[in-house]
Amino acid sequence: MCLINLQECRAPDPPPGWDPWEELANAVICQAAEDWREAVRTLLHPPGRPGAVQNKHIREAACMLEDCESFFRSRWISILTGKDGTEILEQLRRER
């Protein structure tokens, strides 16, 4: 005997023209952009923590910034979106 109604577990039908792969690609790009912004904020305004803890946050932010910029300069951006990642990176830099 099944204890759950399987009809309730079924996802609703997607709208016409919806592409789950495009949705996933957009989510990846948005997350990379948000990670980049957070890393820049941390580097520009380090948390007010003493010594080693603050240095750890700064090192982590510097690594995140480097990883994000490397991602935006990689071929993955054009594969995921068909856009030039350096243009996205420049747009992020102009936001500051």
PDB file of N, CA and C in Angstrom:
ATOM      1  N   MET A   1       0.824  -1.176   0.000  1.00  0.00           N
ATOM      2  CA  MET A   1       0.000   0.000   0.000  1.00  0.00           C
ATOM      3  C   MET A   1       0.877   1.253   0.000  1.00  0.00           C
ATOM      4  N   CYS A   2       0.595   2.173  -0.904  1.00  0.00           N
ATOM      5  CA  CYS A   2       1.355   3.415  -1.012  1.00  0.00           C
ATOM      6  C   CYS A   2       0.816   4.430  -0.002  1.00  0.00           C
ATOM      7  N   LEU A   3       1.699   5.020   0.770  1.00  0.00           N
ATOM      8  CA  LEU A   3       1.276   5.949   1.809  1.00  0.00           C
ATOM      9  C   LEU A   3       1.194   7.401   1.335  1.00  0.00           C
ATOM     10  N   ILE A   4       1.640   7.688   0.131  1.00  0.00           N
ATOM     11  CA  ILE A   4       1.547   9.046  -0.393  1.00  0.00           C
ATOM     12  C   ILE A   4       0.780   9.050  -1.702  1.00  0.00           C
ATOM     13  N   ASN A   5       0.151  10.142  -1.964  1.00  0.00           N
ATOM     14  CA  ASN A   5      -0.587  10.319  -3.203  1.00  0.00           C
ATOM     15  C   ASN A   5       0.421  10.729  -4.283  1.00  0.00           C
ATOM     16  N   LEU A   6       0.701   9.832  -5.197  1.00  0.00           N
ATOM     17  CA  LEU A   6       1.707  10.110  -6.219  1.00  0.00           C
ATOM     18  C   LEU A   6       1.314  11.256  -7.134  1.00  0.00           C
ATOM     19  N   GLN A   7       0.034  11.529  -7.266  1.00  0.00           N
ATOM     20  CA  GLN A   7      -0.409  12.662  -8.088  1.00  0.00           C
ATOM     21  C   GLN A   7       0.075  13.980  -7.489  1.00  0.00           C
ATOM     22  N   GLU A   8       0.186  14.062  -6.158  1.00  0.00           N
ATOM     23  CA  GLU A   8       0.658  15.277  -5.501  1.00  0.00           C
ATOM     24  C   GLU A   8       2.158  15.476  -5.700  1.00  0.00           C
ATOM     25  N   CYS A   9       2.876  14.418  -5.968  1.00  0.00           N
ATOM     26  CA  CYS A   9       4.318  14.496  -6.158  1.00  0.00           C
ATOM     27  C   CYS A   9       4.701  14.951  -7.564  1.00  0.00           C
ATOM     28  N   ARG A  10       3.760  14.892  -8.459  1.00  0.00           N
ATOM     29  CA  ARG A  10       4.035  15.211  -9.861  1.00  0.00           C
ATOM     30  C   ARG A  10       4.212  16.715 -10.027  1.00  0.00           C
ATOM     31  N   ALA A  11       5.272  17.104 -10.697  1.00  0.00           N
ATOM     32  CA  ALA A  11       5.515  18.521 -10.976  1.00  0.00           C
ATOM     33  C   ALA A  11       4.506  19.024 -11.997  1.00  0.00           C
ATOM     34  N   PRO A  12       4.116  20.286 -11.885  1.00  0.00           N
ATOM     35  CA  PRO A  12       3.191  20.825 -12.883  1.00  0.00           C
ATOM     36  C   PRO A  12       3.854  20.876 -14.256  1.00  0.00           C
ATOM     37  N   ASP A  13       3.028  20.863 -15.288  1.00  0.00           N
ATOM     38  CA  ASP A  13       3.559  20.940 -16.645  1.00  0.00           C
ATOM     39  C   ASP A  13       4.235  22.300 -16.856  1.00  0.00           C
ATOM     40  N   PRO A  14       5.427  22.304 -17.445  1.00  0.00           N
ATOM     41  CA  PRO A  14       6.116  23.578 -17.679  1.00  0.00           C
ATOM     42  C   PRO A  14       5.390  24.394 -18.743  1.00  0.00           C
ATOM     43  N   PRO A  15       5.578  25.706 -18.703  1.00  0.00           N
ATOM     44  CA  PRO A  15       4.954  26.545 -19.729  1.00  0.00           C
ATOM     45  C   PRO A  15       5.564  26.254 -21.097  1.00  0.00           C
ATOM     46  N   PRO A  16       4.834  26.542 -22.173  1.00  0.00           N
ATOM     47  CA  PRO A  16       5.367  26.308 -23.526  1.00  0.00           C
ATOM     48  C   PRO A  16       6.656  27.101 -23.744  1.00  0.00           C
ATOM     49  N   GLY A  17       7.616  26.471 -24.372  1.00  0.00           N
ATOM     50  CA  GLY A  17       8.879  27.134 -24.687  1.00  0.00           C
ATOM     51  C   GLY A  17       9.885  27.141 -23.546  1.00  0.00           C
ATOM     52  N   TRP A  18       9.515  26.582 -22.411  1.00  0.00           N
ATOM     53  CA  TRP A  18      10.416  26.566 -21.270  1.00  0.00           C
ATOM     54  C   TRP A  18      11.530  25.562 -21.501  1.00  0.00           C
ATOM     55  N   ASP A  19      12.766  25.988 -21.304  1.00  0.00           N
ATOM     56  CA  ASP A  19      13.928  25.125 -21.520  1.00  0.00           C
ATOM     57  C   ASP A  19      14.655  24.942 -20.186  1.00  0.00           C
ATOM     58  N   PRO A  20      14.589  23.762 -19.603  1.00  0.00           N
ATOM     59  CA  PRO A  20      15.232  23.562 -18.300  1.00  0.00           C
ATOM     60  C   PRO A  20      16.742  23.754 -18.337  1.00  0.00           C
ATOM     61  N   TRP A  21      17.379  23.442 -19.468  1.00  0.00           N
ATOM     62  CA  TRP A  21      18.824  23.610 -19.575  1.00  0.00           C
ATOM     63  C   TRP A  21      19.192  25.090 -19.590  1.00  0.00           C
ATOM     64  N   GLU A  22      18.394  25.893 -20.261  1.00  0.00           N
ATOM     65  CA  GLU A  22      18.634  27.331 -20.259  1.00  0.00           C
ATOM     66  C   GLU A  22      18.420  27.897 -18.852  1.00  0.00           C
ATOM     67  N   GLU A  23      17.413  27.408 -18.185  1.00  0.00           N
ATOM     68  CA  GLU A  23      17.133  27.830 -16.807  1.00  0.00           C
ATOM     69  C   GLU A  23      18.313  27.500 -15.895  1.00  0.00           C
ATOM     70  N   LEU A  24      18.863  26.305 -16.048  1.00  0.00           N
ATOM     71  CA  LEU A  24      20.018  25.893 -15.259  1.00  0.00           C
ATOM     72  C   LEU A  24      21.236  26.754 -15.588  1.00  0.00           C
ATOM     73  N   ALA A  25      21.487  26.996 -16.853  1.00  0.00           N
ATOM     74  CA  ALA A  25      22.618  27.832 -17.262  1.00  0.00           C
ATOM     75  C   ALA A  25      22.485  29.238 -16.680  1.00  0.00           C
ATOM     76  N   ASN A  26      21.288  29.802 -16.730  1.00  0.00           N
ATOM     77  CA  ASN A  26      21.074  31.135 -16.159  1.00  0.00           C
ATOM     78  C   ASN A  26      21.328  31.140 -14.661  1.00  0.00           C
ATOM     79  N   ALA A  27      20.909  30.087 -13.979  1.00  0.00           N
ATOM     80  CA  ALA A  27      21.138  30.002 -12.535  1.00  0.00           C
ATOM     81  C   ALA A  27      22.624  29.931 -12.213  1.00  0.00           C
ATOM     82  N   VAL A  28      23.389  29.210 -13.025  1.00  0.00           N
ATOM     83  CA  VAL A  28      24.841  29.111 -12.821  1.00  0.00           C
ATOM     84  C   VAL A  28      25.488  30.494 -12.988  1.00  0.00           C
ATOM     85  N   ILE A  29      25.103  31.217 -14.035  1.00  0.00           N
ATOM     86  CA  ILE A  29      25.664  32.548 -14.297  1.00  0.00           C
ATOM     87  C   ILE A  29      25.274  33.506 -13.173  1.00  0.00           C
ATOM     88  N   CYS A  30      24.022  33.476 -12.764  1.00  0.00           N
ATOM     89  CA  CYS A  30      23.570  34.366 -11.684  1.00  0.00           C
ATOM     90  C   CYS A  30      24.307  34.080 -10.381  1.00  0.00           C
ATOM     91  N   GLN A  31      24.532  32.817 -10.082  1.00  0.00           N
ATOM     92  CA  GLN A  31      25.251  32.469  -8.854  1.00  0.00           C
ATOM     93  C   GLN A  31      26.703  32.942  -8.921  1.00  0.00           C
ATOM     94  N   ALA A  32      27.339  32.783 -10.070  1.00  0.00           N
ATOM     95  CA  ALA A  32      28.716  33.260 -10.232  1.00  0.00           C
ATOM     96  C   ALA A  32      28.776  34.779 -10.066  1.00  0.00           C
ATOM     97  N   ALA A  33      27.804  35.487 -10.605  1.00  0.00           N
ATOM     98  CA  ALA A  33      27.769  36.945 -10.469  1.00  0.00           C
ATOM     99  C   ALA A  33      27.573  37.343  -9.012  1.00  0.00           C
ATOM    100  N   GLU A  34      26.686  36.655  -8.314  1.00  0.00           N
ATOM    101  CA  GLU A  34      26.455  36.978  -6.897  1.00  0.00           C
ATOM    102  C   GLU A  34      27.679  36.647  -6.061  1.00  0.00           C
ATOM    103  N   ASP A  35      28.358  35.532  -6.355  1.00  0.00           N
ATOM    104  CA  ASP A  35      29.597  35.180  -5.648  1.00  0.00           C
ATOM    105  C   ASP A  35      30.667  36.244  -5.891  1.00  0.00           C
ATOM    106  N   TRP A  36      30.767  36.738  -7.123  1.00  0.00           N
ATOM    107  CA  TRP A  36      31.741  37.782  -7.466  1.00  0.00           C
ATOM    108  C   TRP A  36      31.445  39.053  -6.657  1.00  0.00           C
ATOM    109  N   ARG A  37      30.162  39.458  -6.635  1.00  0.00           N
ATOM    110  CA  ARG A  37      29.780  40.668  -5.888  1.00  0.00           C
ATOM    111  C   ARG A  37      30.111  40.542  -4.402  1.00  0.00           C
ATOM    112  N   GLU A  38      29.802  39.393  -3.834  1.00  0.00           N
ATOM    113  CA  GLU A  38      30.070  39.169  -2.411  1.00  0.00           C
ATOM    114  C   GLU A  38      31.568  39.198  -2.124  1.00  0.00           C
ATOM    115  N   ALA A  39      32.366  38.600  -3.001  1.00  0.00           N
ATOM    116  CA  ALA A  39      33.821  38.616  -2.818  1.00  0.00           C
ATOM    117  C   ALA A  39      34.352  40.043  -2.880  1.00  0.00           C
ATOM    118  N   VAL A  40      33.872  40.825  -3.824  1.00  0.00           N
ATOM    119  CA  VAL A  40      34.313  42.223  -3.935  1.00  0.00           C
ATOM    120  C   VAL A  40      33.916  43.004  -2.687  1.00  0.00           C
ATOM    121  N   ARG A  41      32.679  42.811  -2.220  1.00  0.00           N
ATOM    122  CA  ARG A  41      32.236  43.508  -0.998  1.00  0.00           C
ATOM    123  C   ARG A  41      33.136  43.169   0.181  1.00  0.00           C
ATOM    124  N   THR A  42      33.465  41.897   0.311  1.00  0.00           N
ATOM    125  CA  THR A  42      34.317  41.466   1.424  1.00  0.00           C
ATOM    126  C   THR A  42      35.704  42.081   1.318  1.00  0.00           C
ATOM    127  N   LEU A  43      36.243  42.137   0.118  1.00  0.00           N
ATOM    128  CA  LEU A  43      37.587  42.701  -0.050  1.00  0.00           C
ATOM    129  C   LEU A  43      37.604  44.213   0.148  1.00  0.00           C
ATOM    130  N   LEU A  44      36.542  44.893  -0.268  1.00  0.00           N
ATOM    131  CA  LEU A  44      36.480  46.344  -0.102  1.00  0.00           C
ATOM    132  C   LEU A  44      36.149  46.755   1.330  1.00  0.00           C
ATOM    133  N   HIS A  45      35.359  45.928   1.996  1.00  0.00           N
ATOM    134  CA  HIS A  45      34.921  46.224   3.363  1.00  0.00           C
ATOM    135  C   HIS A  45      35.071  44.961   4.209  1.00  0.00           C
ATOM    136  N   PRO A  46      36.313  44.640   4.605  1.00  0.00           N
ATOM    137  CA  PRO A  46      36.534  43.403   5.360  1.00  0.00           C
ATOM    138  C   PRO A  46      35.694  43.390   6.639  1.00  0.00           C
ATOM    139  N   PRO A  47      35.263  42.206   7.034  1.00  0.00           N
ATOM    140  CA  PRO A  47      34.486  42.121   8.271  1.00  0.00           C
ATOM    141  C   PRO A  47      35.318  42.589   9.455  1.00  0.00           C
ATOM    142  N   GLY A  48      34.691  43.220  10.393  1.00  0.00           N
ATOM    143  CA  GLY A  48      35.408  43.754  11.555  1.00  0.00           C
ATOM    144  C   GLY A  48      35.745  42.699  12.578  1.00  0.00           C
ATOM    145  N   ARG A  49      36.482  41.709  12.156  1.00  0.00           N
ATOM    146  CA  ARG A  49      36.890  40.633  13.059  1.00  0.00           C
ATOM    147  C   ARG A  49      38.392  40.717  13.275  1.00  0.00           C
ATOM    148  N   PRO A  50      38.847  40.306  14.423  1.00  0.00           N
ATOM    149  CA  PRO A  50      40.282  40.424  14.715  1.00  0.00           C
ATOM    150  C   PRO A  50      41.137  39.375  14.004  1.00  0.00           C
ATOM    151  N   GLY A  51      42.329  39.769  13.697  1.00  0.00           N
ATOM    152  CA  GLY A  51      43.425  38.936  13.246  1.00  0.00           C
ATOM    153  C   GLY A  51      43.160  37.833  12.260  1.00  0.00           C
ATOM    154  N   ALA A  52      43.399  36.597  12.722  1.00  0.00           N
ATOM    155  CA  ALA A  52      43.376  35.429  11.837  1.00  0.00           C
ATOM    156  C   ALA A  52      42.014  35.206  11.201  1.00  0.00           C
ATOM    157  N   VAL A  53      40.934  35.484  11.915  1.00  0.00           N
ATOM    158  CA  VAL A  53      39.600  35.269  11.356  1.00  0.00           C
ATOM    159  C   VAL A  53      39.365  36.217  10.185  1.00  0.00           C
ATOM    160  N   GLN A  54      39.738  37.487  10.361  1.00  0.00           N
ATOM    161  CA  GLN A  54      39.577  38.458   9.277  1.00  0.00           C
ATOM    162  C   GLN A  54      40.459  38.070   8.093  1.00  0.00           C
ATOM    163  N   ASN A  55      41.693  37.664   8.349  1.00  0.00           N
ATOM    164  CA  ASN A  55      42.594  37.266   7.264  1.00  0.00           C
ATOM    165  C   ASN A  55      42.044  36.069   6.502  1.00  0.00           C
ATOM    166  N   LYS A  56      41.408  35.136   7.219  1.00  0.00           N
ATOM    167  CA  LYS A  56      40.811  33.965   6.560  1.00  0.00           C
ATOM    168  C   LYS A  56      39.700  34.411   5.613  1.00  0.00           C
ATOM    169  N   HIS A  57      38.847  35.326   6.060  1.00  0.00           N
ATOM    170  CA  HIS A  57      37.756  35.812   5.207  1.00  0.00           C
ATOM    171  C   HIS A  57      38.300  36.543   3.985  1.00  0.00           C
ATOM    172  N   ILE A  58      39.357  37.297   4.176  1.00  0.00           N
ATOM    173  CA  ILE A  58      39.954  38.023   3.051  1.00  0.00           C
ATOM    174  C   ILE A  58      40.562  37.039   2.054  1.00  0.00           C
ATOM    175  N   ARG A  59      41.258  36.020   2.535  1.00  0.00           N
ATOM    176  CA  ARG A  59      41.836  35.009   1.643  1.00  0.00           C
ATOM    177  C   ARG A  59      40.744  34.266   0.876  1.00  0.00           C
ATOM    178  N   GLU A  60      39.674  33.886   1.574  1.00  0.00           N
ATOM    179  CA  GLU A  60      38.571  33.184   0.914  1.00  0.00           C
ATOM    180  C   GLU A  60      37.917  34.069  -0.151  1.00  0.00           C
ATOM    181  N   ALA A  61      37.746  35.351   0.158  1.00  0.00           N
ATOM    182  CA  ALA A  61      37.143  36.270  -0.811  1.00  0.00           C
ATOM    183  C   ALA A  61      38.053  36.450  -2.017  1.00  0.00           C
ATOM    184  N   ALA A  62      39.349  36.534  -1.790  1.00  0.00           N
ATOM    185  CA  ALA A  62      40.295  36.688  -2.900  1.00  0.00           C
ATOM    186  C   ALA A  62      40.266  35.454  -3.804  1.00  0.00           C
ATOM    187  N   CYS A  63      40.192  34.270  -3.200  1.00  0.00           N
ATOM    188  CA  CYS A  63      40.098  33.029  -3.994  1.00  0.00           C
ATOM    189  C   CYS A  63      38.795  32.984  -4.772  1.00  0.00           C
ATOM    190  N   MET A  64      37.689  33.377  -4.121  1.00  0.00           N
ATOM    191  CA  MET A  64      36.390  33.370  -4.795  1.00  0.00           C
ATOM    192  C   MET A  64      36.400  34.337  -5.972  1.00  0.00           C
ATOM    193  N   LEU A  65      36.975  35.518  -5.765  1.00  0.00           N
ATOM    194  CA  LEU A  65      37.049  36.505  -6.839  1.00  0.00           C
ATOM    195  C   LEU A  65      37.855  35.953  -8.013  1.00  0.00           C
ATOM    196  N   GLU A  66      38.985  35.337  -7.719  1.00  0.00           N
ATOM    197  CA  GLU A  66      39.823  34.752  -8.765  1.00  0.00           C
ATOM    198  C   GLU A  66      39.082  33.634  -9.512  1.00  0.00           C
ATOM    199  N   ASP A  67      38.388  32.773  -8.764  1.00  0.00           N
ATOM    200  CA  ASP A  67      37.627  31.689  -9.386  1.00  0.00           C
ATOM    201  C   ASP A  67      36.518  32.226 -10.287  1.00  0.00           C
ATOM    202  N   CYS A  68      35.793  33.230  -9.797  1.00  0.00           N
ATOM    203  CA  CYS A  68      34.696  33.799 -10.580  1.00  0.00           C
ATOM    204  C   CYS A  68      35.214  34.468 -11.849  1.00  0.00           C
ATOM    205  N   GLU A  69      36.283  35.241 -11.717  1.00  0.00           N
ATOM    206  CA  GLU A  69      36.826  35.918 -12.897  1.00  0.00           C
ATOM    207  C   GLU A  69      37.358  34.912 -13.903  1.00  0.00           C
ATOM    208  N   SER A  70      37.965  33.850 -13.408  1.00  0.00           N
ATOM    209  CA  SER A  70      38.433  32.786 -14.304  1.00  0.00           C
ATOM    210  C   SER A  70      37.247  32.147 -15.030  1.00  0.00           C
ATOM    211  N   PHE A  71      36.153  31.914 -14.310  1.00  0.00           N
ATOM    212  CA  PHE A  71      34.952  31.355 -14.909  1.00  0.00           C
ATOM    213  C   PHE A  71      34.393  32.281 -15.986  1.00  0.00           C
ATOM    214  N   PHE A  72      34.325  33.587 -15.697  1.00  0.00           N
ATOM    215  CA  PHE A  72      33.781  34.528 -16.669  1.00  0.00           C
ATOM    216  C   PHE A  72      34.687  34.677 -17.903  1.00  0.00           C
ATOM    217  N   ARG A  73      35.966  34.363 -17.757  1.00  0.00           N
ATOM    218  CA  ARG A  73      36.873  34.435 -18.912  1.00  0.00           C
ATOM    219  C   ARG A  73      36.980  33.097 -19.649  1.00  0.00           C
ATOM    220  N   SER A  74      36.312  32.071 -19.124  1.00  0.00           N
ATOM    221  CA  SER A  74      36.423  30.735 -19.717  1.00  0.00           C
ATOM    222  C   SER A  74      35.452  30.565 -20.875  1.00  0.00           C
ATOM    223  N   ARG A  75      35.624  29.460 -21.593  1.00  0.00           N
ATOM    224  CA  ARG A  75      34.703  29.125 -22.691  1.00  0.00           C
ATOM    225  C   ARG A  75      33.335  28.706 -22.190  1.00  0.00           C
ATOM    226  N   TRP A  76      33.248  28.328 -20.907  1.00  0.00           N
ATOM    227  CA  TRP A  76      31.977  27.851 -20.367  1.00  0.00           C
ATOM    228  C   TRP A  76      30.866  28.884 -20.532  1.00  0.00           C
ATOM    229  N   ILE A  77      31.190  30.143 -20.378  1.00  0.00           N
ATOM    230  CA  ILE A  77      30.162  31.187 -20.492  1.00  0.00           C
ATOM    231  C   ILE A  77      29.540  31.151 -21.884  1.00  0.00           C
ATOM    232  N   SER A  78      30.383  31.109 -22.897  1.00  0.00           N
ATOM    233  CA  SER A  78      29.829  31.106 -24.256  1.00  0.00           C
ATOM    234  C   SER A  78      29.080  29.809 -24.542  1.00  0.00           C
ATOM    235  N   ILE A  79      29.518  28.706 -23.947  1.00  0.00           N
ATOM    236  CA  ILE A  79      28.799  27.441 -24.116  1.00  0.00           C
ATOM    237  C   ILE A  79      27.440  27.514 -23.434  1.00  0.00           C
ATOM    238  N   LEU A  80      27.401  28.085 -22.233  1.00  0.00           N
ATOM    239  CA  LEU A  80      26.154  28.149 -21.474  1.00  0.00           C
ATOM    240  C   LEU A  80      25.182  29.191 -22.019  1.00  0.00           C
ATOM    241  N   THR A  81      25.718  30.334 -22.461  1.00  0.00           N
ATOM    242  CA  THR A  81      24.830  31.448 -22.807  1.00  0.00           C
ATOM    243  C   THR A  81      24.977  31.961 -24.226  1.00  0.00           C
ATOM    244  N   GLY A  82      26.081  31.636 -24.878  1.00  0.00           N
ATOM    245  CA  GLY A  82      26.337  32.207 -26.196  1.00  0.00           C
ATOM    246  C   GLY A  82      26.839  33.648 -26.119  1.00  0.00           C
ATOM    247  N   LYS A  83      27.137  34.117 -24.898  1.00  0.00           N
ATOM    248  CA  LYS A  83      27.616  35.486 -24.711  1.00  0.00           C
ATOM    249  C   LYS A  83      29.087  35.492 -24.343  1.00  0.00           C
ATOM    250  N   ASP A  84      29.690  36.655 -24.470  1.00  0.00           N
ATOM    251  CA  ASP A  84      31.086  36.833 -24.112  1.00  0.00           C
ATOM    252  C   ASP A  84      31.167  37.098 -22.604  1.00  0.00           C
ATOM    253  N   GLY A  85      31.835  36.216 -21.886  1.00  0.00           N
ATOM    254  CA  GLY A  85      31.935  36.348 -20.436  1.00  0.00           C
ATOM    255  C   GLY A  85      32.690  37.568 -19.986  1.00  0.00           C
ATOM    256  N   THR A  86      33.631  38.047 -20.812  1.00  0.00           N
ATOM    257  CA  THR A  86      34.365  39.261 -20.413  1.00  0.00           C
ATOM    258  C   THR A  86      33.439  40.467 -20.398  1.00  0.00           C
ATOM    259  N   GLU A  87      32.422  40.464 -21.247  1.00  0.00           N
ATOM    260  CA  GLU A  87      31.436  41.556 -21.219  1.00  0.00           C
ATOM    261  C   GLU A  87      30.609  41.500 -19.936  1.00  0.00           C
ATOM    262  N   ILE A  88      30.254  40.308 -19.497  1.00  0.00           N
ATOM    263  CA  ILE A  88      29.523  40.157 -18.246  1.00  0.00           C
ATOM    264  C   ILE A  88      30.392  40.640 -17.087  1.00  0.00           C
ATOM    265  N   LEU A  89      31.669  40.271 -17.110  1.00  0.00           N
ATOM    266  CA  LEU A  89      32.599  40.695 -16.063  1.00  0.00           C
ATOM    267  C   LEU A  89      32.746  42.216 -16.048  1.00  0.00           C
ATOM    268  N   GLU A  90      32.852  42.835 -17.212  1.00  0.00           N
ATOM    269  CA  GLU A  90      32.926  44.304 -17.286  1.00  0.00           C
ATOM    270  C   GLU A  90      31.659  44.940 -16.741  1.00  0.00           C
ATOM    271  N   GLN A  91      30.525  44.351 -17.037  1.00  0.00           N
ATOM    272  CA  GLN A  91      29.264  44.872 -16.523  1.00  0.00           C
ATOM    273  C   GLN A  91      29.240  44.804 -14.996  1.00  0.00           C
ATOM    274  N   LEU A  92      29.724  43.706 -14.443  1.00  0.00           N
ATOM    275  CA  LEU A  92      29.809  43.577 -12.989  1.00  0.00           C
ATOM    276  C   LEU A  92      30.734  44.643 -12.404  1.00  0.00           C
ATOM    277  N   ARG A  93      31.852  44.870 -13.035  1.00  0.00           N
ATOM    278  CA  ARG A  93      32.802  45.876 -12.551  1.00  0.00           C
ATOM    279  C   ARG A  93      32.206  47.288 -12.586  1.00  0.00           C
ATOM    280  N   ARG A  94      31.393  47.564 -13.605  1.00  0.00           N
ATOM    281  CA  ARG A  94      30.755  48.884 -13.696  1.00  0.00           C
ATOM    282  C   ARG A  94      29.711  49.091 -12.593  1.00  0.00           C
ATOM    283  N   GLU A  95      29.155  48.017 -12.070  1.00  0.00           N
ATOM    284  CA  GLU A  95      28.161  48.127 -11.002  1.00  0.00           C
ATOM    285  C   GLU A  95      28.746  48.761  -9.741  1.00  0.00           C
ATOM    286  N   ARG A  96      30.036  48.581  -9.533  1.00  0.00           N
ATOM    287  CA  ARG A  96      30.645  49.092  -8.301  1.00  0.00           C
ATOM    288  C   ARG A  96      30.620  50.559  -8.377  1.00  0.00           C
TER     289      ARG A  96
END
